């Protein structure tokens, strides 16, 4: 077993399993997906640490624990279509591809766009595709989606994301409430959008998703 493989197993055993992540498919996805490949070489020593990892000027990879719990809360089924928002180099897309039938990533970060497709091909994630686009707008032509997963926190959830959810669809995202982030599951039904907070989390706010600051007089 290589050093990275040992670190990956330790990550799952010490960070993910103890955090009430019980889905065997999800645990297997984290065990089998080489997180280090989706991180710049200069930062690979931190690939399996209990912390966020900066992957480019505009993207930060979530803590393994927070990503695992958020995906677990989405309750992804094998026949579902998933939208991966701001997927960076594609690590989250690779994990989601192990859970769903098809995954569409949307990204406008140049580093992610230039690397994600090749990295996903390298690990055999042939049911995933990354398209160029504004994460705020989603990918309306590919929806509706059963699940929308967001890589990072936001101050406000765009209406466009809700519009692209299928009936019964779930949107999972960390919504910043002051200094604390709330991992939230939004569920769409004929009655509207339901909202459920599942745990507290700290994740970098996605650029462009910060609340507008007003002037004080």
N, C-alpha and C. Protein backbone atom coordinates (compact mmCIF):
# COMPACT_ATOMS: atom_id res chain seq x y z
N UNK A 1 0.85 -1.20 0.00
CA UNK A 1 0.00 0.00 0.00
C UNK A 1 0.88 1.24 0.00
N UNK A 2 0.61 2.17 -0.94
CA UNK A 2 1.43 3.39 -1.03
C UNK A 2 1.12 4.34 0.12
N UNK A 3 1.96 5.35 0.24
CA UNK A 3 1.77 6.35 1.29
C UNK A 3 0.43 7.07 1.13
N UNK A 4 0.08 7.41 -0.12
CA UNK A 4 -1.20 8.08 -0.35
C UNK A 4 -2.38 7.16 -0.06
N UNK A 5 -2.26 5.89 -0.41
CA UNK A 5 -3.34 4.94 -0.12
C UNK A 5 -3.54 4.79 1.37
N UNK A 6 -2.46 4.74 2.13
CA UNK A 6 -2.56 4.66 3.58
C UNK A 6 -3.24 5.91 4.14
N UNK A 7 -2.83 7.08 3.61
CA UNK A 7 -3.43 8.34 4.07
C UNK A 7 -4.91 8.40 3.73
N UNK A 8 -5.28 7.87 2.56
CA UNK A 8 -6.68 7.86 2.15
C UNK A 8 -7.52 6.99 3.08
N UNK A 9 -7.01 5.83 3.42
CA UNK A 9 -7.73 4.95 4.34
C UNK A 9 -7.86 5.59 5.72
N UNK A 10 -6.79 6.25 6.16
CA UNK A 10 -6.84 6.93 7.46
C UNK A 10 -7.86 8.06 7.43
N UNK A 11 -7.93 8.80 6.31
CA UNK A 11 -8.92 9.87 6.17
C UNK A 11 -10.33 9.32 6.35
N UNK A 12 -10.62 8.22 5.67
CA UNK A 12 -11.96 7.63 5.76
C UNK A 12 -12.24 7.13 7.17
N UNK A 13 -11.27 6.45 7.78
CA UNK A 13 -11.48 5.85 9.10
C UNK A 13 -11.54 6.88 10.22
N UNK A 14 -10.82 7.99 10.08
CA UNK A 14 -10.74 8.96 11.18
C UNK A 14 -11.61 10.19 10.98
N UNK A 15 -11.95 10.51 9.72
CA UNK A 15 -12.72 11.73 9.46
C UNK A 15 -14.14 11.46 8.97
N UNK A 16 -14.30 10.46 8.11
CA UNK A 16 -15.59 10.24 7.45
C UNK A 16 -16.47 9.25 8.20
N UNK A 17 -15.96 8.08 8.49
CA UNK A 17 -16.79 7.09 9.20
C UNK A 17 -17.31 7.60 10.54
N UNK A 18 -16.49 8.29 11.36
CA UNK A 18 -16.99 8.76 12.66
C UNK A 18 -18.00 9.91 12.54
N UNK A 19 -18.24 10.42 11.34
CA UNK A 19 -19.12 11.57 11.16
C UNK A 19 -20.51 11.17 10.66
N UNK A 20 -20.93 9.97 11.03
CA UNK A 20 -22.27 9.46 10.70
C UNK A 20 -22.48 9.27 9.20
N UNK A 21 -21.40 9.03 8.46
CA UNK A 21 -21.52 8.69 7.04
C UNK A 21 -21.53 7.17 6.96
N UNK A 22 -22.69 6.62 6.64
CA UNK A 22 -22.87 5.16 6.69
C UNK A 22 -23.11 4.52 5.33
N UNK A 23 -23.28 5.32 4.29
CA UNK A 23 -23.54 4.78 2.95
C UNK A 23 -22.28 4.06 2.45
N UNK A 24 -22.38 2.77 2.24
CA UNK A 24 -21.21 1.99 1.83
C UNK A 24 -20.69 2.41 0.47
N UNK A 25 -21.60 2.80 -0.43
CA UNK A 25 -21.16 3.24 -1.76
C UNK A 25 -20.32 4.51 -1.64
N UNK A 26 -20.73 5.40 -0.76
CA UNK A 26 -20.02 6.66 -0.59
C UNK A 26 -18.66 6.43 0.07
N UNK A 27 -18.62 5.58 1.05
CA UNK A 27 -17.34 5.25 1.70
C UNK A 27 -16.39 4.62 0.69
N UNK A 28 -16.91 3.72 -0.14
CA UNK A 28 -16.08 3.08 -1.17
C UNK A 28 -15.56 4.11 -2.16
N UNK A 29 -16.39 5.10 -2.50
CA UNK A 29 -15.98 6.14 -3.44
C UNK A 29 -14.81 6.93 -2.89
N UNK A 30 -14.86 7.27 -1.62
CA UNK A 30 -13.76 8.01 -1.00
C UNK A 30 -12.51 7.14 -0.87
N UNK A 31 -12.68 5.87 -0.62
CA UNK A 31 -11.54 4.97 -0.51
C UNK A 31 -10.85 4.75 -1.85
N UNK A 32 -11.62 4.77 -2.92
CA UNK A 32 -11.09 4.41 -4.24
C UNK A 32 -10.64 5.60 -5.08
N UNK A 33 -11.03 6.80 -4.69
CA UNK A 33 -10.72 7.97 -5.52
C UNK A 33 -9.47 8.69 -5.01
N UNK A 34 -8.45 8.80 -5.83
CA UNK A 34 -7.18 9.42 -5.40
C UNK A 34 -7.28 10.94 -5.30
N UNK A 35 -7.62 11.42 -4.14
CA UNK A 35 -7.80 12.86 -3.91
C UNK A 35 -6.55 13.65 -4.31
N UNK A 36 -5.39 13.06 -4.10
CA UNK A 36 -4.15 13.79 -4.37
C UNK A 36 -3.99 14.18 -5.83
N UNK A 37 -4.60 13.42 -6.75
CA UNK A 37 -4.48 13.73 -8.17
C UNK A 37 -5.19 15.04 -8.54
N UNK A 38 -6.15 15.44 -7.72
CA UNK A 38 -6.96 16.62 -8.02
C UNK A 38 -6.46 17.87 -7.29
N UNK A 39 -5.25 17.77 -6.75
CA UNK A 39 -4.65 18.86 -5.96
C UNK A 39 -3.31 19.22 -6.58
N UNK A 40 -2.95 20.50 -6.63
CA UNK A 40 -1.63 20.88 -7.15
C UNK A 40 -0.50 20.13 -6.44
N UNK A 41 0.52 19.77 -7.18
CA UNK A 41 1.63 18.99 -6.62
C UNK A 41 2.22 19.63 -5.37
N UNK A 42 2.29 20.94 -5.35
CA UNK A 42 2.89 21.64 -4.22
C UNK A 42 2.08 21.51 -2.94
N UNK A 43 0.82 21.07 -3.05
CA UNK A 43 -0.05 20.97 -1.87
C UNK A 43 -0.50 19.53 -1.60
N UNK A 44 0.05 18.58 -2.30
CA UNK A 44 -0.42 17.20 -2.17
C UNK A 44 -0.15 16.59 -0.80
N UNK A 45 0.81 17.13 -0.08
CA UNK A 45 1.07 16.63 1.27
C UNK A 45 -0.14 16.85 2.18
N UNK A 46 -0.99 17.80 1.82
CA UNK A 46 -2.18 18.11 2.62
C UNK A 46 -3.44 17.47 2.06
N UNK A 47 -3.29 16.58 1.07
CA UNK A 47 -4.45 16.03 0.37
C UNK A 47 -5.45 15.37 1.31
N UNK A 48 -4.96 14.68 2.34
CA UNK A 48 -5.86 13.90 3.20
C UNK A 48 -5.96 14.47 4.62
N UNK A 49 -5.51 15.71 4.78
CA UNK A 49 -5.63 16.36 6.08
C UNK A 49 -7.08 16.76 6.35
N UNK A 50 -7.38 16.98 7.61
CA UNK A 50 -8.72 17.40 8.01
C UNK A 50 -8.84 18.91 7.83
N UNK A 51 -8.74 19.33 6.58
CA UNK A 51 -8.76 20.76 6.29
C UNK A 51 -9.12 20.97 4.82
N UNK A 52 -9.46 22.22 4.49
CA UNK A 52 -9.68 22.58 3.11
C UNK A 52 -8.33 22.70 2.40
N UNK A 53 -8.33 22.54 1.07
CA UNK A 53 -7.11 22.66 0.29
C UNK A 53 -7.38 23.59 -0.90
N UNK A 54 -6.58 24.62 -1.02
CA UNK A 54 -6.70 25.54 -2.15
C UNK A 54 -6.18 24.84 -3.41
N UNK A 55 -6.99 24.81 -4.46
CA UNK A 55 -6.57 24.17 -5.70
C UNK A 55 -6.29 25.16 -6.82
N UNK A 56 -6.81 26.37 -6.71
CA UNK A 56 -6.53 27.43 -7.69
C UNK A 56 -6.89 28.75 -7.04
N UNK A 57 -6.72 29.84 -7.79
CA UNK A 57 -7.04 31.16 -7.23
C UNK A 57 -8.51 31.29 -6.85
N UNK A 58 -9.36 30.52 -7.52
CA UNK A 58 -10.81 30.68 -7.31
C UNK A 58 -11.50 29.47 -6.69
N UNK A 59 -10.77 28.39 -6.43
CA UNK A 59 -11.42 27.18 -5.94
C UNK A 59 -10.67 26.59 -4.75
N UNK A 60 -11.45 26.10 -3.81
CA UNK A 60 -10.92 25.44 -2.62
C UNK A 60 -11.67 24.14 -2.40
N UNK A 61 -10.92 23.07 -2.21
CA UNK A 61 -11.52 21.75 -1.98
C UNK A 61 -11.99 21.66 -0.54
N UNK A 62 -13.23 21.24 -0.33
CA UNK A 62 -13.79 21.11 1.02
C UNK A 62 -13.03 20.13 1.89
N UNK A 63 -13.21 20.28 3.19
CA UNK A 63 -12.74 19.25 4.12
C UNK A 63 -13.39 17.92 3.73
N UNK A 64 -12.66 16.81 3.81
CA UNK A 64 -13.25 15.51 3.47
C UNK A 64 -14.52 15.23 4.28
N UNK A 65 -14.48 15.54 5.54
CA UNK A 65 -15.64 15.28 6.41
C UNK A 65 -16.86 16.05 5.95
N UNK A 66 -16.70 17.33 5.61
CA UNK A 66 -17.83 18.15 5.20
C UNK A 66 -18.38 17.70 3.85
N UNK A 67 -17.48 17.38 2.92
CA UNK A 67 -17.94 16.92 1.61
C UNK A 67 -18.70 15.60 1.74
N UNK A 68 -18.17 14.69 2.52
CA UNK A 68 -18.81 13.39 2.68
C UNK A 68 -20.19 13.52 3.32
N UNK A 69 -20.29 14.34 4.37
CA UNK A 69 -21.58 14.51 5.05
C UNK A 69 -22.60 15.19 4.13
N UNK A 70 -22.13 16.15 3.32
CA UNK A 70 -23.06 16.86 2.44
C UNK A 70 -23.57 15.93 1.34
N UNK A 71 -22.68 15.12 0.77
CA UNK A 71 -23.12 14.16 -0.25
C UNK A 71 -24.05 13.11 0.38
N UNK A 72 -23.71 12.67 1.57
CA UNK A 72 -24.55 11.69 2.27
C UNK A 72 -25.95 12.24 2.48
N UNK A 73 -26.04 13.53 2.83
CA UNK A 73 -27.34 14.15 3.08
C UNK A 73 -28.19 14.24 1.81
N UNK A 74 -27.52 14.23 0.64
CA UNK A 74 -28.26 14.33 -0.62
C UNK A 74 -28.97 13.03 -0.98
N UNK A 75 -28.56 11.92 -0.38
CA UNK A 75 -29.21 10.62 -0.60
C UNK A 75 -29.30 10.28 -2.10
N UNK A 76 -28.15 10.32 -2.76
CA UNK A 76 -28.10 10.10 -4.22
C UNK A 76 -28.36 8.64 -4.56
N UNK A 77 -29.22 8.43 -5.54
CA UNK A 77 -29.57 7.09 -5.99
C UNK A 77 -28.84 6.75 -7.30
N UNK A 78 -28.62 5.46 -7.58
CA UNK A 78 -27.82 5.05 -8.74
C UNK A 78 -28.39 5.47 -10.10
N UNK A 79 -29.68 5.80 -10.16
CA UNK A 79 -30.29 6.16 -11.45
C UNK A 79 -30.50 7.66 -11.60
N UNK A 80 -29.86 8.46 -10.77
CA UNK A 80 -30.14 9.89 -10.76
C UNK A 80 -29.11 10.72 -11.53
N UNK A 81 -29.57 11.91 -11.94
CA UNK A 81 -28.75 12.89 -12.65
C UNK A 81 -28.34 13.98 -11.66
N UNK A 82 -27.04 14.26 -11.60
CA UNK A 82 -26.51 15.18 -10.61
C UNK A 82 -25.78 16.34 -11.29
N UNK A 83 -25.99 17.54 -10.78
CA UNK A 83 -25.26 18.72 -11.22
C UNK A 83 -24.25 19.09 -10.14
N UNK A 84 -22.98 19.21 -10.54
CA UNK A 84 -21.89 19.54 -9.62
C UNK A 84 -21.46 20.98 -9.90
N UNK A 85 -21.78 21.88 -8.96
CA UNK A 85 -21.54 23.31 -9.15
C UNK A 85 -20.12 23.69 -8.73
N UNK A 86 -19.39 24.39 -9.61
CA UNK A 86 -18.04 24.88 -9.32
C UNK A 86 -17.14 23.72 -8.89
N UNK A 87 -17.00 22.75 -9.77
CA UNK A 87 -16.36 21.48 -9.42
C UNK A 87 -14.83 21.52 -9.44
N UNK A 88 -14.24 22.65 -9.79
CA UNK A 88 -12.78 22.76 -9.76
C UNK A 88 -12.11 21.74 -10.64
N UNK A 89 -11.11 21.03 -10.10
CA UNK A 89 -10.39 20.02 -10.88
C UNK A 89 -11.15 18.70 -11.00
N UNK A 90 -12.30 18.59 -10.33
CA UNK A 90 -13.16 17.44 -10.57
C UNK A 90 -13.19 16.37 -9.50
N UNK A 91 -12.62 16.63 -8.32
CA UNK A 91 -12.65 15.59 -7.28
C UNK A 91 -14.07 15.26 -6.86
N UNK A 92 -14.87 16.30 -6.60
CA UNK A 92 -16.26 16.05 -6.20
C UNK A 92 -17.01 15.34 -7.31
N UNK A 93 -16.73 15.71 -8.55
CA UNK A 93 -17.39 15.07 -9.69
C UNK A 93 -17.07 13.58 -9.73
N UNK A 94 -15.82 13.23 -9.44
CA UNK A 94 -15.40 11.83 -9.43
C UNK A 94 -16.14 11.05 -8.34
N UNK A 95 -16.28 11.66 -7.17
CA UNK A 95 -17.01 11.00 -6.07
C UNK A 95 -18.48 10.84 -6.45
N UNK A 96 -19.08 11.89 -6.95
CA UNK A 96 -20.50 11.84 -7.31
C UNK A 96 -20.76 10.84 -8.43
N UNK A 97 -19.80 10.69 -9.33
CA UNK A 97 -19.96 9.75 -10.44
C UNK A 97 -20.05 8.31 -9.96
N UNK A 98 -19.51 8.03 -8.78
CA UNK A 98 -19.62 6.69 -8.19
C UNK A 98 -21.00 6.47 -7.57
N UNK A 99 -21.74 7.55 -7.36
CA UNK A 99 -23.02 7.46 -6.67
C UNK A 99 -24.21 7.52 -7.63
N UNK A 100 -24.06 8.23 -8.75
CA UNK A 100 -25.19 8.54 -9.63
C UNK A 100 -25.03 7.90 -11.00
N UNK A 101 -26.08 8.01 -11.81
CA UNK A 101 -26.00 7.51 -13.18
C UNK A 101 -25.16 8.43 -14.06
N UNK A 102 -25.41 9.76 -13.93
CA UNK A 102 -24.69 10.74 -14.72
C UNK A 102 -24.44 11.98 -13.88
N UNK A 103 -23.25 12.58 -14.07
CA UNK A 103 -22.91 13.81 -13.36
C UNK A 103 -22.47 14.86 -14.38
N UNK A 104 -23.01 16.06 -14.24
CA UNK A 104 -22.61 17.19 -15.07
C UNK A 104 -21.97 18.23 -14.16
N UNK A 105 -20.71 18.55 -14.42
CA UNK A 105 -20.04 19.60 -13.67
C UNK A 105 -20.10 20.89 -14.45
N UNK A 106 -20.26 22.02 -13.76
CA UNK A 106 -20.24 23.32 -14.43
C UNK A 106 -19.17 24.18 -13.76
N UNK A 107 -18.32 24.78 -14.60
CA UNK A 107 -17.16 25.50 -14.08
C UNK A 107 -16.79 26.64 -15.01
N UNK A 108 -16.30 27.75 -14.43
CA UNK A 108 -15.75 28.83 -15.23
C UNK A 108 -14.34 29.19 -14.79
N UNK A 109 -13.79 28.41 -13.88
CA UNK A 109 -12.40 28.60 -13.44
C UNK A 109 -11.47 27.95 -14.47
N UNK A 110 -10.53 28.72 -15.00
CA UNK A 110 -9.68 28.22 -16.08
C UNK A 110 -8.88 26.99 -15.68
N UNK A 111 -8.37 26.98 -14.46
CA UNK A 111 -7.60 25.83 -14.00
C UNK A 111 -8.45 24.56 -13.99
N UNK A 112 -9.67 24.67 -13.45
CA UNK A 112 -10.55 23.51 -13.41
C UNK A 112 -10.95 23.04 -14.79
N UNK A 113 -11.26 23.99 -15.67
CA UNK A 113 -11.68 23.62 -17.03
C UNK A 113 -10.57 22.93 -17.79
N UNK A 114 -9.33 23.35 -17.56
CA UNK A 114 -8.22 22.78 -18.32
C UNK A 114 -7.80 21.41 -17.81
N UNK A 115 -8.15 21.08 -16.57
CA UNK A 115 -7.64 19.85 -15.97
C UNK A 115 -8.70 18.78 -15.68
N UNK A 116 -9.93 19.20 -15.40
CA UNK A 116 -10.92 18.26 -14.88
C UNK A 116 -11.26 17.13 -15.85
N UNK A 117 -11.46 17.44 -17.11
CA UNK A 117 -11.85 16.41 -18.07
C UNK A 117 -10.79 15.31 -18.17
N UNK A 118 -9.53 15.71 -18.25
CA UNK A 118 -8.45 14.72 -18.34
C UNK A 118 -8.32 13.90 -17.07
N UNK A 119 -8.44 14.53 -15.92
CA UNK A 119 -8.33 13.81 -14.66
C UNK A 119 -9.47 12.80 -14.49
N UNK A 120 -10.67 13.20 -14.87
CA UNK A 120 -11.82 12.28 -14.77
C UNK A 120 -11.65 11.11 -15.72
N UNK A 121 -11.10 11.36 -16.90
CA UNK A 121 -10.84 10.27 -17.84
C UNK A 121 -9.78 9.33 -17.29
N UNK A 122 -8.77 9.89 -16.63
CA UNK A 122 -7.68 9.08 -16.08
C UNK A 122 -8.17 8.06 -15.05
N UNK A 123 -9.21 8.42 -14.29
CA UNK A 123 -9.69 7.50 -13.26
C UNK A 123 -10.92 6.71 -13.72
N UNK A 124 -11.29 6.88 -14.99
CA UNK A 124 -12.38 6.08 -15.54
C UNK A 124 -13.78 6.55 -15.21
N UNK A 125 -13.93 7.84 -14.89
CA UNK A 125 -15.27 8.37 -14.59
C UNK A 125 -15.96 8.74 -15.90
N UNK A 126 -16.35 7.73 -16.66
CA UNK A 126 -16.90 7.97 -18.00
C UNK A 126 -18.37 8.36 -17.99
N UNK A 127 -18.97 8.44 -16.82
CA UNK A 127 -20.37 8.90 -16.72
C UNK A 127 -20.43 10.34 -16.23
N UNK A 128 -19.30 11.05 -16.32
CA UNK A 128 -19.23 12.45 -15.87
C UNK A 128 -18.71 13.33 -16.99
N UNK A 129 -19.24 14.55 -17.06
CA UNK A 129 -18.79 15.52 -18.05
C UNK A 129 -18.73 16.89 -17.37
N UNK A 130 -17.76 17.71 -17.76
CA UNK A 130 -17.64 19.07 -17.23
C UNK A 130 -17.85 20.05 -18.38
N UNK A 131 -18.75 21.02 -18.15
CA UNK A 131 -19.03 22.01 -19.18
C UNK A 131 -18.65 23.39 -18.66
N UNK A 132 -18.31 24.27 -19.60
CA UNK A 132 -17.98 25.63 -19.23
C UNK A 132 -19.25 26.44 -19.07
N UNK A 133 -19.33 27.18 -17.98
CA UNK A 133 -20.50 28.00 -17.76
C UNK A 133 -20.43 28.72 -16.43
N UNK A 134 -21.35 29.62 -16.20
CA UNK A 134 -21.43 30.38 -14.97
C UNK A 134 -22.09 29.50 -13.90
N UNK A 135 -21.37 29.19 -12.81
CA UNK A 135 -21.98 28.36 -11.77
C UNK A 135 -23.30 28.91 -11.25
N UNK A 136 -23.44 30.23 -11.22
CA UNK A 136 -24.69 30.81 -10.74
C UNK A 136 -25.88 30.43 -11.61
N UNK A 137 -25.61 30.22 -12.90
CA UNK A 137 -26.68 29.92 -13.84
C UNK A 137 -26.98 28.44 -13.94
N UNK A 138 -26.08 27.57 -13.41
CA UNK A 138 -26.27 26.14 -13.54
C UNK A 138 -26.13 25.71 -14.98
N UNK A 139 -26.83 24.63 -15.35
CA UNK A 139 -26.82 24.14 -16.74
C UNK A 139 -28.27 23.80 -17.11
N UNK A 140 -29.08 24.81 -17.39
CA UNK A 140 -30.52 24.57 -17.63
C UNK A 140 -30.82 23.61 -18.77
N UNK A 141 -29.96 23.57 -19.79
CA UNK A 141 -30.23 22.71 -20.95
C UNK A 141 -30.06 21.23 -20.61
N UNK A 142 -29.34 20.92 -19.53
CA UNK A 142 -29.09 19.52 -19.16
C UNK A 142 -30.07 19.01 -18.10
N UNK A 143 -30.81 19.91 -17.46
CA UNK A 143 -31.71 19.51 -16.38
C UNK A 143 -33.04 18.98 -16.90
N UNK A 144 -33.99 18.72 -15.99
CA UNK A 144 -33.87 18.97 -14.55
C UNK A 144 -33.00 17.92 -13.85
N UNK A 145 -32.42 18.32 -12.72
CA UNK A 145 -31.50 17.46 -11.99
C UNK A 145 -32.16 16.90 -10.73
N UNK A 146 -31.80 15.66 -10.43
CA UNK A 146 -32.30 15.04 -9.20
C UNK A 146 -31.57 15.58 -7.98
N UNK A 147 -30.28 15.91 -8.17
CA UNK A 147 -29.46 16.44 -7.08
C UNK A 147 -28.56 17.53 -7.64
N UNK A 148 -28.42 18.62 -6.88
CA UNK A 148 -27.43 19.65 -7.17
C UNK A 148 -26.51 19.75 -5.96
N UNK A 149 -25.21 19.60 -6.22
CA UNK A 149 -24.20 19.67 -5.17
C UNK A 149 -23.34 20.91 -5.40
N UNK A 150 -23.06 21.65 -4.33
CA UNK A 150 -22.32 22.91 -4.46
C UNK A 150 -21.00 22.82 -3.70
N UNK A 151 -19.90 23.12 -4.40
CA UNK A 151 -18.56 23.03 -3.82
C UNK A 151 -18.15 24.34 -3.16
N UNK A 152 -18.60 24.55 -1.96
CA UNK A 152 -18.27 25.78 -1.24
C UNK A 152 -19.52 26.36 -0.63
N UNK A 153 -19.34 27.43 0.11
CA UNK A 153 -20.51 28.05 0.74
C UNK A 153 -20.97 29.26 -0.05
N UNK A 154 -22.21 29.65 0.19
CA UNK A 154 -22.81 30.82 -0.47
C UNK A 154 -23.56 31.63 0.59
N UNK A 155 -23.69 32.90 0.31
CA UNK A 155 -24.51 33.73 1.20
C UNK A 155 -25.98 33.70 0.79
N UNK A 156 -26.21 33.56 -0.51
CA UNK A 156 -27.57 33.49 -1.05
C UNK A 156 -27.63 32.41 -2.12
N UNK A 157 -28.67 31.61 -2.11
CA UNK A 157 -28.84 30.54 -3.09
C UNK A 157 -29.54 31.09 -4.33
N UNK A 158 -28.93 30.99 -5.51
CA UNK A 158 -29.56 31.51 -6.74
C UNK A 158 -30.87 30.80 -7.06
N UNK A 159 -31.85 31.55 -7.50
CA UNK A 159 -33.13 30.99 -7.89
C UNK A 159 -32.97 30.00 -9.04
N UNK A 160 -31.99 30.26 -9.92
CA UNK A 160 -31.78 29.39 -11.08
C UNK A 160 -31.52 27.95 -10.66
N UNK A 161 -30.88 27.74 -9.53
CA UNK A 161 -30.62 26.37 -9.07
C UNK A 161 -31.92 25.67 -8.72
N UNK A 162 -32.79 26.35 -8.01
CA UNK A 162 -34.09 25.75 -7.65
C UNK A 162 -34.89 25.43 -8.91
N UNK A 163 -34.82 26.32 -9.91
CA UNK A 163 -35.57 26.13 -11.15
C UNK A 163 -35.12 24.86 -11.89
N UNK A 164 -33.87 24.43 -11.66
CA UNK A 164 -33.33 23.28 -12.37
C UNK A 164 -33.46 21.97 -11.60
N UNK A 165 -34.10 22.01 -10.45
CA UNK A 165 -34.36 20.78 -9.69
C UNK A 165 -35.58 20.06 -10.23
N UNK A 166 -35.49 18.75 -10.33
CA UNK A 166 -36.65 17.94 -10.67
C UNK A 166 -37.59 17.88 -9.47
N UNK A 167 -38.80 17.45 -9.70
CA UNK A 167 -39.73 17.25 -8.59
C UNK A 167 -39.16 16.17 -7.68
N UNK A 168 -39.02 16.47 -6.41
CA UNK A 168 -38.37 15.56 -5.47
C UNK A 168 -36.86 15.73 -5.42
N UNK A 169 -36.34 16.67 -6.22
CA UNK A 169 -34.90 16.89 -6.27
C UNK A 169 -34.37 17.58 -5.02
N UNK A 170 -33.06 17.36 -4.76
CA UNK A 170 -32.42 17.92 -3.58
C UNK A 170 -31.24 18.80 -3.99
N UNK A 171 -31.16 19.95 -3.38
CA UNK A 171 -30.01 20.84 -3.53
C UNK A 171 -29.28 20.86 -2.20
N UNK A 172 -27.99 20.51 -2.21
CA UNK A 172 -27.22 20.50 -0.96
C UNK A 172 -26.11 21.54 -1.07
N UNK A 173 -26.07 22.42 -0.08
CA UNK A 173 -25.13 23.54 -0.12
C UNK A 173 -24.91 24.05 1.30
N UNK A 174 -23.74 24.62 1.54
CA UNK A 174 -23.45 25.25 2.82
C UNK A 174 -23.80 26.73 2.69
N UNK A 175 -24.78 27.15 3.47
CA UNK A 175 -25.24 28.54 3.45
C UNK A 175 -24.63 29.26 4.63
N UNK A 176 -23.93 30.34 4.34
CA UNK A 176 -23.25 31.06 5.41
C UNK A 176 -24.23 31.92 6.19
N UNK A 177 -24.23 31.73 7.50
CA UNK A 177 -25.07 32.52 8.41
C UNK A 177 -24.13 33.21 9.40
N UNK A 178 -23.67 34.42 9.06
CA UNK A 178 -22.67 35.08 9.89
C UNK A 178 -21.36 34.32 9.82
N UNK A 179 -20.73 34.03 10.95
CA UNK A 179 -19.44 33.33 10.93
C UNK A 179 -19.57 31.82 10.75
N UNK A 180 -20.79 31.30 10.81
CA UNK A 180 -21.01 29.86 10.77
C UNK A 180 -21.73 29.47 9.48
N UNK A 181 -21.29 28.36 8.88
CA UNK A 181 -21.97 27.84 7.72
C UNK A 181 -22.94 26.74 8.12
N UNK A 182 -24.08 26.69 7.47
CA UNK A 182 -25.09 25.68 7.75
C UNK A 182 -25.26 24.78 6.51
N UNK A 183 -24.84 23.54 6.63
CA UNK A 183 -25.05 22.59 5.53
C UNK A 183 -26.55 22.32 5.44
N UNK A 184 -27.12 22.64 4.29
CA UNK A 184 -28.57 22.66 4.15
C UNK A 184 -29.02 21.81 2.97
N UNK A 185 -30.09 21.07 3.17
CA UNK A 185 -30.74 20.32 2.10
C UNK A 185 -32.04 21.03 1.74
N UNK A 186 -32.13 21.48 0.50
CA UNK A 186 -33.37 22.06 -0.03
C UNK A 186 -34.03 20.99 -0.89
N UNK A 187 -35.31 20.74 -0.67
CA UNK A 187 -36.04 19.72 -1.42
C UNK A 187 -37.22 20.36 -2.15
N UNK A 188 -37.32 20.05 -3.44
CA UNK A 188 -38.38 20.63 -4.27
C UNK A 188 -39.57 19.69 -4.36
N UNK A 189 -40.75 20.24 -4.19
CA UNK A 189 -41.98 19.46 -4.34
C UNK A 189 -43.04 20.36 -4.95
N UNK A 190 -44.21 19.80 -5.19
CA UNK A 190 -45.31 20.59 -5.75
C UNK A 190 -45.73 21.71 -4.81
N UNK A 191 -45.41 21.54 -3.53
CA UNK A 191 -45.77 22.56 -2.53
C UNK A 191 -44.75 23.69 -2.45
N UNK A 192 -43.60 23.51 -3.10
CA UNK A 192 -42.57 24.54 -3.03
C UNK A 192 -41.22 23.96 -2.66
N UNK A 193 -40.40 24.76 -2.01
CA UNK A 193 -39.05 24.35 -1.61
C UNK A 193 -38.99 24.18 -0.09
N UNK A 194 -38.67 22.96 0.34
CA UNK A 194 -38.46 22.70 1.75
C UNK A 194 -37.00 22.89 2.11
N UNK A 195 -36.72 23.20 3.35
CA UNK A 195 -35.36 23.49 3.78
C UNK A 195 -35.06 22.76 5.09
N UNK A 196 -33.89 22.09 5.15
CA UNK A 196 -33.51 21.36 6.36
C UNK A 196 -32.01 21.53 6.60
N UNK A 197 -31.64 22.07 7.76
CA UNK A 197 -30.23 22.20 8.13
C UNK A 197 -29.77 20.88 8.75
N UNK A 198 -28.63 20.36 8.26
CA UNK A 198 -28.19 19.04 8.72
C UNK A 198 -26.94 19.07 9.59
N UNK A 199 -26.07 20.06 9.41
CA UNK A 199 -24.91 20.19 10.31
C UNK A 199 -24.23 21.53 10.07
N UNK A 200 -23.39 21.93 11.03
CA UNK A 200 -22.59 23.14 10.89
C UNK A 200 -21.31 22.81 10.14
N UNK A 201 -20.87 23.72 9.29
CA UNK A 201 -19.66 23.48 8.50
C UNK A 201 -19.01 24.81 8.15
N UNK A 202 -17.72 24.76 7.95
CA UNK A 202 -16.99 25.94 7.50
C UNK A 202 -16.41 25.64 6.13
N UNK A 203 -16.80 26.41 5.15
CA UNK A 203 -16.29 26.24 3.79
C UNK A 203 -16.09 27.61 3.17
N UNK A 204 -15.07 27.74 2.34
CA UNK A 204 -14.78 29.00 1.68
C UNK A 204 -15.96 29.43 0.81
N UNK A 205 -16.31 30.70 0.89
CA UNK A 205 -17.39 31.22 0.06
C UNK A 205 -16.92 31.24 -1.40
N UNK A 206 -17.74 30.72 -2.29
CA UNK A 206 -17.41 30.74 -3.71
C UNK A 206 -17.33 32.18 -4.20
N UNK A 207 -16.28 32.53 -4.94
CA UNK A 207 -16.18 33.89 -5.48
C UNK A 207 -17.42 34.24 -6.30
N UNK A 208 -17.97 35.42 -6.02
CA UNK A 208 -19.17 35.86 -6.71
C UNK A 208 -20.45 35.52 -5.98
N UNK A 209 -20.32 34.76 -4.89
CA UNK A 209 -21.51 34.37 -4.12
C UNK A 209 -21.56 35.04 -2.75
N UNK A 210 -20.74 36.07 -2.57
CA UNK A 210 -20.76 36.81 -1.33
C UNK A 210 -21.96 37.76 -1.30
N UNK A 211 -22.47 38.03 -0.10
CA UNK A 211 -23.56 38.98 0.04
C UNK A 211 -23.07 40.37 -0.33
N UNK A 212 -23.92 41.15 -0.97
CA UNK A 212 -23.54 42.51 -1.31
C UNK A 212 -23.47 43.35 -0.04
N UNK A 213 -22.42 44.14 0.04
CA UNK A 213 -22.22 44.98 1.22
C UNK A 213 -22.76 46.37 0.92
N UNK A 214 -23.66 46.81 1.77
CA UNK A 214 -24.22 48.15 1.57
C UNK A 214 -23.38 49.20 2.27
N UNK A 215 -23.66 50.46 1.97
CA UNK A 215 -22.94 51.56 2.60
C UNK A 215 -23.65 51.95 3.90
N UNK A 216 -22.84 52.23 4.90
CA UNK A 216 -23.38 52.67 6.19
C UNK A 216 -23.07 54.15 6.35
N UNK A 217 -24.06 54.94 6.79
CA UNK A 217 -23.87 56.37 6.97
C UNK A 217 -24.03 56.73 8.45
